[in-house]
Amino acid sequence: MSLENIKDYKGIFVFIEMTDGEVADVGLELLGEAGRLAKAAASTVTALVPGDGSVKPYEKLAAYGADRVVYLQNPALGAYATLPYTRALQKAVEELKPEILLFGASPIGRDLAPRLSARLRTGLTADCTGLEIEAASGNLLMTRPAFGGNLMATIVCGEHRPQMATVRPGVMQRAAKKDAQAEILEIPVEIPEEDFAVEILETVMNPPSKLNIREAKVLVSGGRGMASPEGFGILEEIAALLGGTIASSRAAVDAGWQPKDRQVGQTGQTVRPDLYIACGISGAIQHVAGMEESGIIIAINKDENAPIFGIADLGIVGNVNSVLPELKRQLESATA
């Protein structure tokens, strides 16, 4: 792609994922981030929404930062299906030529974005934790953990457009809701017969085991130091006293002590509770990447040199088997 062709690409686009007729939170988060980038690049924000025409969330998308909403309409675009969605977005991108295209790193985003990037012959940076506009070149600087999370890599797609990235839910913050209007562009999309090779017979939602950890205001999180699945029992009791829920490190999930939807970290979920209590968690960079934006962080670990103490607002050096029962007693007394 020549420099002249690159200059034909304008604007920051955000793929908007719909779930049961509602805009997925990650789409609103990315609109906020796109708005911040647009100010740096003197650009605009476009929400890209595939759908069957039954739900058109124009007002909500405008309220959270979209300058324009592009609605791609076809009866096949109601429930997500890989090939029809890929076809619809490919046609839209080829016609509208966005400079930057952002996706949530949700199951749908992780399925759709790489297929689309391959068809567009451009790059894709997955699971970004930071996005910035380089002042000198105007390129998007896409930062993500690399080498197992042991260092951060910044990636540039300087010779191809659009510049594409996926961002995990919870990493970016949505903008404050405002009273605003957006330009609306509705585009009918034709889907060829060969894209209907897969038929969706039924959609079965897998309910989370407890309160979604990304929505909780208080998280009591356990790691390898809890020693067994039974060790999480007291964490649940403490979380209940505080009006929160439990979470875990990857080590506890890998050991089979907690389900995957409890995992915080680079390969789990990114959380921002008001209070995060890390119990028996060493504080490896992979875990810290998922919770360092928490309001108040309390760490309990028997190793005084554990990295978790480096980001904790309050640290308690001690065995969780001694500290947690006392913490529970103090909370029960305070709430009696």
C-alpha atoms as a PDB file:
ATOM      1  CA  MET A   1       0.000   0.000   0.000  1.00  0.00           C
ATOM      2  CA  SER A   2       1.527   3.325  -1.072  1.00  0.00           C
ATOM      3  CA  LEU A   3       1.704   6.462   1.067  1.00  0.00           C
ATOM      4  CA  GLU A   4      -0.859   8.080  -1.224  1.00  0.00           C
ATOM      5  CA  ASN A   5      -3.303   5.224  -0.674  1.00  0.00           C
ATOM      6  CA  ILE A   6      -2.788   5.350   3.099  1.00  0.00           C
ATOM      7  CA  LYS A   7      -3.864   8.991   3.089  1.00  0.00           C
ATOM      8  CA  ASP A   8      -7.247   7.907   1.688  1.00  0.00           C
ATOM      9  CA  TYR A   9      -8.067   6.221   5.006  1.00  0.00           C
ATOM     10  CA  LYS A  10      -9.722   8.450   7.591  1.00  0.00           C
ATOM     11  CA  GLY A  11     -11.422   8.114  10.950  1.00  0.00           C
ATOM     12  CA  ILE A  12     -11.496   5.767  13.934  1.00  0.00           C
ATOM     13  CA  PHE A  13     -14.087   2.980  13.716  1.00  0.00           C
ATOM     14  CA  VAL A  14     -15.333   0.786  16.567  1.00  0.00           C
ATOM     15  CA  PHE A  15     -17.083  -2.529  15.981  1.00  0.00           C
ATOM     16  CA  ILE A  16     -20.182  -2.598  18.173  1.00  0.00           C
ATOM     17  CA  GLU A  17     -21.148  -6.010  19.473  1.00  0.00           C
ATOM     18  CA  MET A  18     -24.797  -6.591  20.367  1.00  0.00           C
ATOM     19  CA  THR A  19     -25.939  -9.168  22.940  1.00  0.00           C
ATOM     20  CA  ASP A  20     -29.654  -9.879  23.349  1.00  0.00           C
ATOM     21  CA  GLY A  21     -30.489  -6.527  21.784  1.00  0.00           C
ATOM     22  CA  GLU A  22     -28.109  -4.587  24.038  1.00  0.00           C
ATOM     23  CA  VAL A  23     -24.802  -2.933  23.226  1.00  0.00           C
ATOM     24  CA  ALA A  24     -21.977  -4.921  24.823  1.00  0.00           C
ATOM     25  CA  ASP A  25     -20.040  -2.958  27.448  1.00  0.00           C
ATOM     26  CA  VAL A  26     -16.757  -3.358  25.591  1.00  0.00           C
ATOM     27  CA  GLY A  27     -18.180  -1.399  22.658  1.00  0.00           C
ATOM     28  CA  LEU A  28     -18.971   1.553  24.909  1.00  0.00           C
ATOM     29  CA  GLU A  29     -15.509   1.315  26.470  1.00  0.00           C
ATOM     30  CA  LEU A  30     -13.908   1.423  23.035  1.00  0.00           C
ATOM     31  CA  LEU A  31     -16.005   4.410  21.992  1.00  0.00           C
ATOM     32  CA  GLY A  32     -14.541   6.272  24.968  1.00  0.00           C
ATOM     33  CA  GLU A  33     -11.012   5.263  24.010  1.00  0.00           C
ATOM     34  CA  ALA A  34     -11.648   6.111  20.346  1.00  0.00           C
ATOM     35  CA  GLY A  35     -12.808   9.563  21.418  1.00  0.00           C
ATOM     36  CA  ARG A  36      -9.546  10.138  23.262  1.00  0.00           C
ATOM     37  CA  LEU A  37      -7.533   8.983  20.248  1.00  0.00           C
ATOM     38  CA  ALA A  38      -9.646  11.088  17.899  1.00  0.00           C
ATOM     39  CA  LYS A  39      -8.724  14.241  19.818  1.00  0.00           C
ATOM     40  CA  ALA A  40      -5.039  13.440  19.438  1.00  0.00           C
ATOM     41  CA  ALA A  41      -5.445  12.680  15.743  1.00  0.00           C
ATOM     42  CA  ALA A  42      -7.965  15.453  14.948  1.00  0.00           C
ATOM     43  CA  SER A  43     -10.271  12.701  13.707  1.00  0.00           C
ATOM     44  CA  THR A  44     -13.809  11.382  14.210  1.00  0.00           C
ATOM     45  CA  VAL A  45     -15.377   8.306  15.811  1.00  0.00           C
ATOM     46  CA  THR A  46     -17.654   5.937  13.897  1.00  0.00           C
ATOM     47  CA  ALA A  47     -19.615   3.079  15.475  1.00  0.00           C
ATOM     48  CA  LEU A  48     -19.924   0.136  13.091  1.00  0.00           C
ATOM     49  CA  VAL A  49     -23.037  -1.920  13.880  1.00  0.00           C
ATOM     50  CA  PRO A  50     -24.207  -5.029  11.977  1.00  0.00           C
ATOM     51  CA  GLY A  51     -27.842  -5.963  12.567  1.00  0.00           C
ATOM     52  CA  ASP A  52     -31.098  -7.279  11.176  1.00  0.00           C
ATOM     53  CA  GLY A  53     -32.961  -3.996  11.674  1.00  0.00           C
ATOM     54  CA  SER A  54     -34.788  -5.012  14.854  1.00  0.00           C
ATOM     55  CA  VAL A  55     -32.610  -2.911  17.208  1.00  0.00           C
ATOM     56  CA  LYS A  56     -30.889   0.326  16.220  1.00  0.00           C
ATOM     57  CA  PRO A  57     -29.105   1.801  19.272  1.00  0.00           C
ATOM     58  CA  TYR A  58     -28.313   5.159  17.687  1.00  0.00           C
ATOM     59  CA  GLU A  59     -29.056   7.359  20.713  1.00  0.00           C
ATOM     60  CA  LYS A  60     -26.987   5.255  23.112  1.00  0.00           C
ATOM     61  CA  LEU A  61     -23.979   5.141  20.807  1.00  0.00           C
ATOM     62  CA  ALA A  62     -24.127   8.901  20.288  1.00  0.00           C
ATOM     63  CA  ALA A  63     -24.381   9.426  24.045  1.00  0.00           C
ATOM     64  CA  TYR A  64     -21.176   7.462  24.609  1.00  0.00           C
ATOM     65  CA  GLY A  65     -19.063   9.151  21.963  1.00  0.00           C
ATOM     66  CA  ALA A  66     -19.977   8.123  18.418  1.00  0.00           C
ATOM     67  CA  ASP A  67     -19.891  11.013  15.932  1.00  0.00           C
ATOM     68  CA  ARG A  68     -21.390   8.718  13.308  1.00  0.00           C
ATOM     69  CA  VAL A  69     -23.199   5.371  13.378  1.00  0.00           C
ATOM     70  CA  VAL A  70     -22.924   3.081  10.363  1.00  0.00           C
ATOM     71  CA  TYR A  71     -25.629   0.417  10.484  1.00  0.00           C
ATOM     72  CA  LEU A  72     -25.035  -2.631   8.266  1.00  0.00           C
ATOM     73  CA  GLN A  73     -28.419  -4.219   7.715  1.00  0.00           C
ATOM     74  CA  ASN A  74     -29.354  -7.703   6.540  1.00  0.00           C
ATOM     75  CA  PRO A  75     -31.771 -10.276   8.036  1.00  0.00           C
ATOM     76  CA  ALA A  76     -28.773 -12.621   8.467  1.00  0.00           C
ATOM     77  CA  LEU A  77     -26.986 -10.169  10.770  1.00  0.00           C
ATOM     78  CA  GLY A  78     -29.231 -10.648  13.811  1.00  0.00           C
ATOM     79  CA  ALA A  79     -27.413 -13.378  15.744  1.00  0.00           C
ATOM     80  CA  TYR A  80     -23.648 -13.493  15.244  1.00  0.00           C
ATOM     81  CA  ALA A  81     -22.407 -15.822  12.522  1.00  0.00           C
ATOM     82  CA  THR A  82     -18.796 -15.709  11.374  1.00  0.00           C
ATOM     83  CA  LEU A  83     -19.061 -15.589   7.600  1.00  0.00           C
ATOM     84  CA  PRO A  84     -21.990 -13.154   7.200  1.00  0.00           C
ATOM     85  CA  TYR A  85     -20.449 -10.729   9.705  1.00  0.00           C
ATOM     86  CA  THR A  86     -17.034 -10.962   8.067  1.00  0.00           C
ATOM     87  CA  ARG A  87     -18.581 -10.280   4.672  1.00  0.00           C
ATOM     88  CA  ALA A  88     -20.573  -7.290   5.936  1.00  0.00           C
ATOM     89  CA  LEU A  89     -17.615  -5.666   7.662  1.00  0.00           C
ATOM     90  CA  GLN A  90     -15.290  -6.329   4.743  1.00  0.00           C
ATOM     91  CA  LYS A  91     -17.630  -4.499   2.373  1.00  0.00           C
ATOM     92  CA  ALA A  92     -18.056  -1.599   4.800  1.00  0.00           C
ATOM     93  CA  VAL A  93     -14.325  -1.173   5.413  1.00  0.00           C
ATOM     94  CA  GLU A  94     -13.472  -1.359   1.719  1.00  0.00           C
ATOM     95  CA  GLU A  95     -16.069   1.320   0.996  1.00  0.00           C
ATOM     96  CA  LEU A  96     -15.586   3.650   3.987  1.00  0.00           C
ATOM     97  CA  LYS A  97     -11.805   3.232   4.453  1.00  0.00           C
ATOM     98  CA  PRO A  98     -11.264   3.720   8.205  1.00  0.00           C
ATOM     99  CA  GLU A  99      -7.740   4.526   9.335  1.00  0.00           C
ATOM    100  CA  ILE A 100      -8.175   2.654  12.646  1.00  0.00           C
ATOM    101  CA  LEU A 101     -10.573  -0.211  13.418  1.00  0.00           C
ATOM    102  CA  LEU A 102     -11.040  -1.411  17.019  1.00  0.00           C
ATOM    103  CA  PHE A 103     -12.677  -4.601  18.315  1.00  0.00           C
ATOM    104  CA  GLY A 104     -13.339  -5.942  21.768  1.00  0.00           C
ATOM    105  CA  ALA A 105     -11.301  -9.061  22.539  1.00  0.00           C
ATOM    106  CA  SER A 106     -14.495 -10.951  23.314  1.00  0.00           C
ATOM    107  CA  PRO A 107     -15.191 -14.403  21.846  1.00  0.00           C
ATOM    108  CA  ILE A 108     -16.905 -12.689  18.908  1.00  0.00           C
ATOM    109  CA  GLY A 109     -14.165 -10.095  18.444  1.00  0.00           C
ATOM    110  CA  ARG A 110     -11.449 -12.728  18.595  1.00  0.00           C
ATOM    111  CA  ASP A 111     -13.238 -14.745  15.933  1.00  0.00           C
ATOM    112  CA  LEU A 112     -14.135 -11.858  13.650  1.00  0.00           C
ATOM    113  CA  ALA A 113     -11.133  -9.498  13.738  1.00  0.00           C
ATOM    114  CA  PRO A 114      -8.433 -11.907  12.460  1.00  0.00           C
ATOM    115  CA  ARG A 115     -10.657 -13.153   9.632  1.00  0.00           C
ATOM    116  CA  LEU A 116     -11.344  -9.600   8.588  1.00  0.00           C
ATOM    117  CA  SER A 117      -7.699  -8.520   8.787  1.00  0.00           C
ATOM    118  CA  ALA A 118      -6.714 -11.439   6.541  1.00  0.00           C
ATOM    119  CA  ARG A 119      -9.286 -10.443   3.921  1.00  0.00           C
ATOM    120  CA  LEU A 120      -8.190  -6.805   4.083  1.00  0.00           C
ATOM    121  CA  ARG A 121      -4.506  -7.764   3.947  1.00  0.00           C
ATOM    122  CA  THR A 122      -3.617  -5.671   6.957  1.00  0.00           C
ATOM    123  CA  GLY A 123      -2.193  -6.325  10.408  1.00  0.00           C
ATOM    124  CA  LEU A 124      -3.962  -7.020  13.677  1.00  0.00           C
ATOM    125  CA  THR A 125      -2.598  -6.517  17.193  1.00  0.00           C
ATOM    126  CA  ALA A 126      -4.476  -8.632  19.729  1.00  0.00           C
ATOM    127  CA  ASP A 127      -5.226  -8.041  23.418  1.00  0.00           C
ATOM    128  CA  CYS A 128      -3.921  -4.475  23.570  1.00  0.00           C
ATOM    129  CA  THR A 129      -3.630  -2.796  26.940  1.00  0.00           C
ATOM    130  CA  GLY A 130      -2.638   0.626  25.608  1.00  0.00           C
ATOM    131  CA  LEU A 131      -3.342   2.679  22.484  1.00  0.00           C
ATOM    132  CA  GLU A 132      -1.733   5.989  21.545  1.00  0.00           C
ATOM    133  CA  ILE A 133      -1.336   8.160  18.459  1.00  0.00           C
ATOM    134  CA  GLU A 134       2.296   8.846  17.518  1.00  0.00           C
ATOM    135  CA  ALA A 135       2.567  12.591  17.034  1.00  0.00           C
ATOM    136  CA  ALA A 136       5.214  12.542  14.312  1.00  0.00           C
ATOM    137  CA  SER A 137       3.671   9.919  12.019  1.00  0.00           C
ATOM    138  CA  GLY A 138       0.034   9.744  13.092  1.00  0.00           C
ATOM    139  CA  ASN A 139       0.381   5.968  13.371  1.00  0.00           C
ATOM    140  CA  LEU A 140      -1.445   4.018  16.062  1.00  0.00           C
ATOM    141  CA  LEU A 141       0.912   2.694  18.745  1.00  0.00           C
ATOM    142  CA  MET A 142      -0.575  -0.585  19.971  1.00  0.00           C
ATOM    143  CA  THR A 143       0.866  -1.903  23.235  1.00  0.00           C
ATOM    144  CA  ARG A 144       0.320  -5.437  24.490  1.00  0.00           C
ATOM    145  CA  PRO A 145       2.027  -7.908  26.843  1.00  0.00           C
ATOM    146  CA  ALA A 146       4.577 -10.172  25.126  1.00  0.00           C
ATOM    147  CA  PHE A 147       6.718 -13.193  26.023  1.00  0.00           C
ATOM    148  CA  GLY A 148       4.196 -14.525  28.502  1.00  0.00           C
ATOM    149  CA  GLY A 149       3.527 -11.100  29.940  1.00  0.00           C
ATOM    150  CA  ASN A 150       7.118 -10.537  31.038  1.00  0.00           C
ATOM    151  CA  LEU A 151       7.485  -7.393  28.952  1.00  0.00           C
ATOM    152  CA  MET A 152       5.340  -4.964  26.983  1.00  0.00           C
ATOM    153  CA  ALA A 153       5.632  -4.652  23.203  1.00  0.00           C
ATOM    154  CA  THR A 154       4.485  -1.657  21.165  1.00  0.00           C
ATOM    155  CA  ILE A 155       3.478  -2.569  17.628  1.00  0.00           C
ATOM    156  CA  VAL A 156       3.014  -0.274  14.627  1.00  0.00           C
ATOM    157  CA  CYS A 157       1.224  -1.064  11.379  1.00  0.00           C
ATOM    158  CA  GLY A 158       2.856   1.652   9.313  1.00  0.00           C
ATOM    159  CA  GLU A 159       2.361   0.403   5.759  1.00  0.00           C
ATOM    160  CA  HIS A 160      -1.172  -0.998   5.729  1.00  0.00           C
ATOM    161  CA  ARG A 161      -4.648   0.246   6.536  1.00  0.00           C
ATOM    162  CA  PRO A 162      -6.791   0.016   8.496  1.00  0.00           C
ATOM    163  CA  GLN A 163      -4.715  -0.328  11.628  1.00  0.00           C
ATOM    164  CA  MET A 164      -6.580  -3.003  13.584  1.00  0.00           C
ATOM    165  CA  ALA A 165      -6.502  -3.912  17.269  1.00  0.00           C
ATOM    166  CA  THR A 166      -8.520  -5.897  19.775  1.00  0.00           C
ATOM    167  CA  VAL A 167      -8.830  -4.725  23.381  1.00  0.00           C
ATOM    168  CA  ARG A 168     -10.029  -6.908  26.233  1.00  0.00           C
ATOM    169  CA  PRO A 169     -13.230  -5.926  28.037  1.00  0.00           C
ATOM    170  CA  GLY A 170     -12.551  -3.807  31.090  1.00  0.00           C
ATOM    171  CA  VAL A 171      -9.195  -2.435  29.957  1.00  0.00           C
ATOM    172  CA  MET A 172     -10.516   0.929  28.716  1.00  0.00           C
ATOM    173  CA  GLN A 173     -12.996   3.182  30.480  1.00  0.00           C
ATOM    174  CA  ARG A 174     -16.176   4.384  28.832  1.00  0.00           C
ATOM    175  CA  ALA A 175     -16.651   8.123  28.470  1.00  0.00           C
ATOM    176  CA  ALA A 176     -19.209   9.963  30.554  1.00  0.00           C
ATOM    177  CA  LYS A 177     -22.660   9.801  29.016  1.00  0.00           C
ATOM    178  CA  LYS A 178     -23.713  13.020  27.309  1.00  0.00           C
ATOM    179  CA  ASP A 179     -26.607  14.452  25.367  1.00  0.00           C
ATOM    180  CA  ALA A 180     -25.394  14.256  21.763  1.00  0.00           C
ATOM    181  CA  GLN A 181     -26.501  13.429  18.254  1.00  0.00           C
ATOM    182  CA  ALA A 182     -24.696  11.280  15.702  1.00  0.00           C
ATOM    183  CA  GLU A 183     -24.802  11.169  11.932  1.00  0.00           C
ATOM    184  CA  ILE A 184     -26.639   7.999  10.846  1.00  0.00           C
ATOM    185  CA  LEU A 185     -25.686   5.999   7.773  1.00  0.00           C
ATOM    186  CA  GLU A 186     -27.721   2.855   7.043  1.00  0.00           C
ATOM    187  CA  ILE A 187     -26.198   0.489   4.486  1.00  0.00           C
ATOM    188  CA  PRO A 188     -28.094  -2.574   3.187  1.00  0.00           C
ATOM    189  CA  VAL A 189     -25.649  -5.464   2.812  1.00  0.00           C
ATOM    190  CA  GLU A 190     -25.972  -8.377   0.431  1.00  0.00           C
ATOM    191  CA  ILE A 191     -24.753 -11.710   1.814  1.00  0.00           C
ATOM    192  CA  PRO A 192     -23.955 -14.350  -0.852  1.00  0.00           C
ATOM    193  CA  GLU A 193     -25.287 -17.870  -0.548  1.00  0.00           C
ATOM    194  CA  GLU A 194     -21.862 -19.390   0.155  1.00  0.00           C
ATOM    195  CA  ASP A 195     -21.693 -17.471   3.459  1.00  0.00           C
ATOM    196  CA  PHE A 196     -24.597 -19.492   4.859  1.00  0.00           C
ATOM    197  CA  ALA A 197     -22.633 -22.723   5.174  1.00  0.00           C
ATOM    198  CA  VAL A 198     -23.294 -22.762   8.936  1.00  0.00           C
ATOM    199  CA  GLU A 199     -26.769 -22.577  10.421  1.00  0.00           C
ATOM    200  CA  ILE A 200     -27.320 -21.530  14.050  1.00  0.00           C
ATOM    201  CA  LEU A 201     -29.893 -23.879  15.554  1.00  0.00           C
ATOM    202  CA  GLU A 202     -29.857 -22.688  19.146  1.00  0.00           C
ATOM    203  CA  THR A 203     -27.962 -20.304  21.388  1.00  0.00           C
ATOM    204  CA  VAL A 204     -27.378 -21.485  24.967  1.00  0.00           C
ATOM    205  CA  MET A 205     -25.906 -18.977  27.405  1.00  0.00           C
ATOM    206  CA  ASN A 206     -23.514 -20.324  30.005  1.00  0.00           C
ATOM    207  CA  PRO A 207     -24.376 -18.418  33.199  1.00  0.00           C
ATOM    208  CA  PRO A 208     -21.420 -17.252  35.305  1.00  0.00           C
ATOM    209  CA  SER A 209     -20.805 -19.192  38.493  1.00  0.00           C
ATOM    210  CA  LYS A 210     -21.213 -16.037  40.607  1.00  0.00           C
ATOM    211  CA  LEU A 211     -21.481 -12.274  40.169  1.00  0.00           C
ATOM    212  CA  ASN A 212     -19.492 -11.155  37.128  1.00  0.00           C
ATOM    213  CA  ILE A 213     -16.110 -10.086  38.488  1.00  0.00           C
ATOM    214  CA  ARG A 214     -15.941  -7.130  36.077  1.00  0.00           C
ATOM    215  CA  GLU A 215     -19.103  -5.709  37.651  1.00  0.00           C
ATOM    216  CA  ALA A 216     -18.189  -6.280  41.313  1.00  0.00           C
ATOM    217  CA  LYS A 217     -17.221  -3.315  43.482  1.00  0.00           C
ATOM    218  CA  VAL A 218     -15.351  -5.583  45.901  1.00  0.00           C
ATOM    219  CA  LEU A 219     -13.197  -8.562  44.914  1.00  0.00           C
ATOM    220  CA  VAL A 220     -11.533 -10.961  47.342  1.00  0.00           C
ATOM    221  CA  SER A 221      -9.043 -12.843  45.205  1.00  0.00           C
ATOM    222  CA  GLY A 222      -7.082 -15.978  45.996  1.00  0.00           C
ATOM    223  CA  GLY A 223      -3.949 -17.475  44.527  1.00  0.00           C
ATOM    224  CA  ARG A 224      -1.624 -20.393  44.966  1.00  0.00           C
ATOM    225  CA  GLY A 225      -1.176 -19.465  48.599  1.00  0.00           C
ATOM    226  CA  MET A 226      -4.737 -20.615  49.368  1.00  0.00           C
ATOM    227  CA  ALA A 227      -3.316 -24.155  49.025  1.00  0.00           C
ATOM    228  CA  SER A 228      -6.579 -25.897  48.049  1.00  0.00           C
ATOM    229  CA  PRO A 229     -10.083 -25.289  46.694  1.00  0.00           C
ATOM    230  CA  GLU A 230     -11.382 -25.486  50.261  1.00  0.00           C
ATOM    231  CA  GLY A 231      -9.236 -22.470  51.085  1.00  0.00           C
ATOM    232  CA  PHE A 232     -11.544 -20.310  48.993  1.00  0.00           C
ATOM    233  CA  GLY A 233     -14.398 -20.927  51.415  1.00  0.00           C
ATOM    234  CA  ILE A 234     -13.259 -18.206  53.797  1.00  0.00           C
ATOM    235  CA  LEU A 235     -12.731 -15.851  50.848  1.00  0.00           C
ATOM    236  CA  GLU A 236     -16.390 -16.316  49.920  1.00  0.00           C
ATOM    237  CA  GLU A 237     -17.438 -15.539  53.504  1.00  0.00           C
ATOM    238  CA  ILE A 238     -15.325 -12.377  53.591  1.00  0.00           C
ATOM    239  CA  ALA A 239     -16.582 -11.308  50.165  1.00  0.00           C
ATOM    240  CA  ALA A 240     -20.179 -11.739  51.331  1.00  0.00           C
ATOM    241  CA  LEU A 241     -19.528  -9.554  54.389  1.00  0.00           C
ATOM    242  CA  LEU A 242     -18.143  -6.844  52.104  1.00  0.00           C
ATOM    243  CA  GLY A 243     -20.884  -7.137  49.486  1.00  0.00           C
ATOM    244  CA  GLY A 244     -18.562  -8.475  46.825  1.00  0.00           C
ATOM    245  CA  THR A 245     -17.515 -11.741  45.235  1.00  0.00           C
ATOM    246  CA  ILE A 246     -14.400 -13.869  44.843  1.00  0.00           C
ATOM    247  CA  ALA A 247     -11.819 -13.922  42.084  1.00  0.00           C
ATOM    248  CA  SER A 248      -8.595 -15.853  41.542  1.00  0.00           C
ATOM    249  CA  SER A 249      -5.194 -15.884  39.941  1.00  0.00           C
ATOM    250  CA  ARG A 250      -4.343 -18.083  36.980  1.00  0.00           C
ATOM    251  CA  ALA A 251      -2.528 -20.519  39.261  1.00  0.00           C
ATOM    252  CA  ALA A 252      -5.763 -21.261  41.139  1.00  0.00           C
ATOM    253  CA  VAL A 253      -7.680 -21.754  37.882  1.00  0.00           C
ATOM    254  CA  ASP A 254      -4.985 -23.997  36.405  1.00  0.00           C
ATOM    255  CA  ALA A 255      -5.072 -26.080  39.575  1.00  0.00           C
ATOM    256  CA  GLY A 256      -8.815 -26.553  39.143  1.00  0.00           C
ATOM    257  CA  TRP A 257      -9.698 -24.679  42.328  1.00  0.00           C
ATOM    258  CA  GLN A 258     -11.778 -22.003  40.569  1.00  0.00           C
ATOM    259  CA  PRO A 259     -13.574 -21.726  37.215  1.00  0.00           C
ATOM    260  CA  LYS A 260     -12.140 -19.697  34.358  1.00  0.00           C
ATOM    261  CA  ASP A 261     -14.679 -16.885  34.737  1.00  0.00           C
ATOM    262  CA  ARG A 262     -13.106 -16.049  38.125  1.00  0.00           C
ATOM    263  CA  GLN A 263      -9.612 -15.465  36.681  1.00  0.00           C
ATOM    264  CA  VAL A 264      -8.035 -12.017  36.842  1.00  0.00           C
ATOM    265  CA  GLY A 265      -5.040 -11.196  34.677  1.00  0.00           C
ATOM    266  CA  GLN A 266      -3.647 -11.081  31.189  1.00  0.00           C
ATOM    267  CA  THR A 267      -5.249 -14.381  30.199  1.00  0.00           C
ATOM    268  CA  GLY A 268      -8.318 -13.797  32.341  1.00  0.00           C
ATOM    269  CA  GLN A 269     -10.340 -10.632  32.907  1.00  0.00           C
ATOM    270  CA  THR A 270      -9.384  -7.043  33.611  1.00  0.00           C
ATOM    271  CA  VAL A 271     -11.151  -5.619  36.669  1.00  0.00           C
ATOM    272  CA  ARG A 272     -11.446  -2.225  38.370  1.00  0.00           C
ATOM    273  CA  PRO A 273     -13.250  -2.787  41.687  1.00  0.00           C
ATOM    274  CA  ASP A 274     -13.282  -0.169  44.415  1.00  0.00           C
ATOM    275  CA  LEU A 275     -11.541  -2.695  46.675  1.00  0.00           C
ATOM    276  CA  TYR A 276      -9.303  -5.604  45.641  1.00  0.00           C
ATOM    277  CA  ILE A 277      -7.975  -7.955  48.340  1.00  0.00           C
ATOM    278  CA  ALA A 278      -5.203 -10.221  47.030  1.00  0.00           C
ATOM    279  CA  CYS A 279      -4.770 -13.286  49.239  1.00  0.00           C
ATOM    280  CA  GLY A 280      -1.800 -15.576  48.687  1.00  0.00           C
ATOM    281  CA  ILE A 281      -1.090 -13.989  45.283  1.00  0.00           C
ATOM    282  CA  SER A 282       2.561 -13.247  44.512  1.00  0.00           C
ATOM    283  CA  GLY A 283       1.849 -10.447  42.038  1.00  0.00           C
ATOM    284  CA  ALA A 284       3.297 -11.704  38.752  1.00  0.00           C
ATOM    285  CA  ILE A 285       3.027  -9.150  35.951  1.00  0.00           C
ATOM    286  CA  GLN A 286       0.381 -11.282  34.192  1.00  0.00           C
ATOM    287  CA  HIS A 287      -1.929 -10.918  37.203  1.00  0.00           C
ATOM    288  CA  VAL A 288      -1.122  -7.298  37.951  1.00  0.00           C
ATOM    289  CA  ALA A 289      -2.026  -6.323  34.379  1.00  0.00           C
ATOM    290  CA  GLY A 290      -5.605  -7.318  35.144  1.00  0.00           C
ATOM    291  CA  MET A 291      -6.174  -5.501  38.450  1.00  0.00           C
ATOM    292  CA  GLU A 292      -3.678  -2.658  38.931  1.00  0.00           C
ATOM    293  CA  GLU A 293      -6.357  -0.017  38.206  1.00  0.00           C
ATOM    294  CA  SER A 294      -8.386  -1.084  41.251  1.00  0.00           C
ATOM    295  CA  GLY A 295      -9.353   1.693  43.666  1.00  0.00           C
ATOM    296  CA  ILE A 296      -7.741   0.288  46.838  1.00  0.00           C
ATOM    297  CA  ILE A 297      -5.508  -2.790  46.802  1.00  0.00           C
ATOM    298  CA  ILE A 298      -4.869  -4.818  49.950  1.00  0.00           C
ATOM    299  CA  ALA A 299      -2.316  -7.628  49.741  1.00  0.00           C
ATOM    300  CA  ILE A 300      -1.874 -10.536  52.147  1.00  0.00           C
ATOM    301  CA  ASN A 301       1.216 -12.694  51.586  1.00  0.00           C
ATOM    302  CA  LYS A 302       3.725 -14.492  53.793  1.00  0.00           C
ATOM    303  CA  ASP A 303       6.623 -13.401  51.543  1.00  0.00           C
ATOM    304  CA  GLU A 304       7.550  -9.827  52.426  1.00  0.00           C
ATOM    305  CA  ASN A 305       9.337  -9.526  49.069  1.00  0.00           C
ATOM    306  CA  ALA A 306       6.317 -10.578  46.987  1.00  0.00           C
ATOM    307  CA  PRO A 307       5.860  -8.214  44.002  1.00  0.00           C
ATOM    308  CA  ILE A 308       2.202  -7.666  44.914  1.00  0.00           C
ATOM    309  CA  PHE A 309       3.305  -5.375  47.737  1.00  0.00           C
ATOM    310  CA  GLY A 310       4.798  -3.023  45.143  1.00  0.00           C
ATOM    311  CA  ILE A 311       1.332  -1.970  43.957  1.00  0.00           C
ATOM    312  CA  ALA A 312      -0.632  -2.487  47.198  1.00  0.00           C
ATOM    313  CA  ASP A 313      -2.055   0.442  49.146  1.00  0.00           C
ATOM    314  CA  LEU A 314      -1.943  -1.745  52.260  1.00  0.00           C
ATOM    315  CA  GLY A 315       0.190  -4.843  52.745  1.00  0.00           C
ATOM    316  CA  ILE A 316      -0.080  -7.522  55.416  1.00  0.00           C
ATOM    317  CA  VAL A 317       2.857  -9.886  55.752  1.00  0.00           C
ATOM    318  CA  GLY A 318       1.542 -13.128  57.169  1.00  0.00           C
ATOM    319  CA  ASN A 319       0.082 -16.532  56.448  1.00  0.00           C
ATOM    320  CA  VAL A 320      -3.400 -16.277  54.949  1.00  0.00           C
ATOM    321  CA  ASN A 321      -4.540 -19.091  57.256  1.00  0.00           C
ATOM    322  CA  SER A 322      -3.874 -16.805  60.226  1.00  0.00           C
ATOM    323  CA  VAL A 323      -4.742 -13.415  58.760  1.00  0.00           C
ATOM    324  CA  LEU A 324      -8.039 -14.254  57.042  1.00  0.00           C
ATOM    325  CA  PRO A 325      -9.874 -15.717  60.082  1.00  0.00           C
ATOM    326  CA  GLU A 326      -8.958 -12.614  62.055  1.00  0.00           C
ATOM    327  CA  LEU A 327     -10.101 -10.371  59.185  1.00  0.00           C
ATOM    328  CA  LYS A 328     -13.403 -12.241  59.096  1.00  0.00           C
ATOM    329  CA  ARG A 329     -13.875 -11.812  62.870  1.00  0.00           C
ATOM    330  CA  GLN A 330     -13.178  -8.077  62.632  1.00  0.00           C
ATOM    331  CA  LEU A 331     -15.670  -7.653  59.802  1.00  0.00           C
ATOM    332  CA  GLU A 332     -18.342  -9.618  61.661  1.00  0.00           C
ATOM    333  CA  SER A 333     -17.851  -7.413  64.680  1.00  0.00           C
ATOM    334  CA  ALA A 334     -18.030  -4.257  62.581  1.00  0.00           C
ATOM    335  CA  THR A 335     -21.278  -5.335  60.911  1.00  0.00           C
ATOM    336  CA  ALA A 336     -22.957  -6.779  64.013  1.00  0.00           C
END
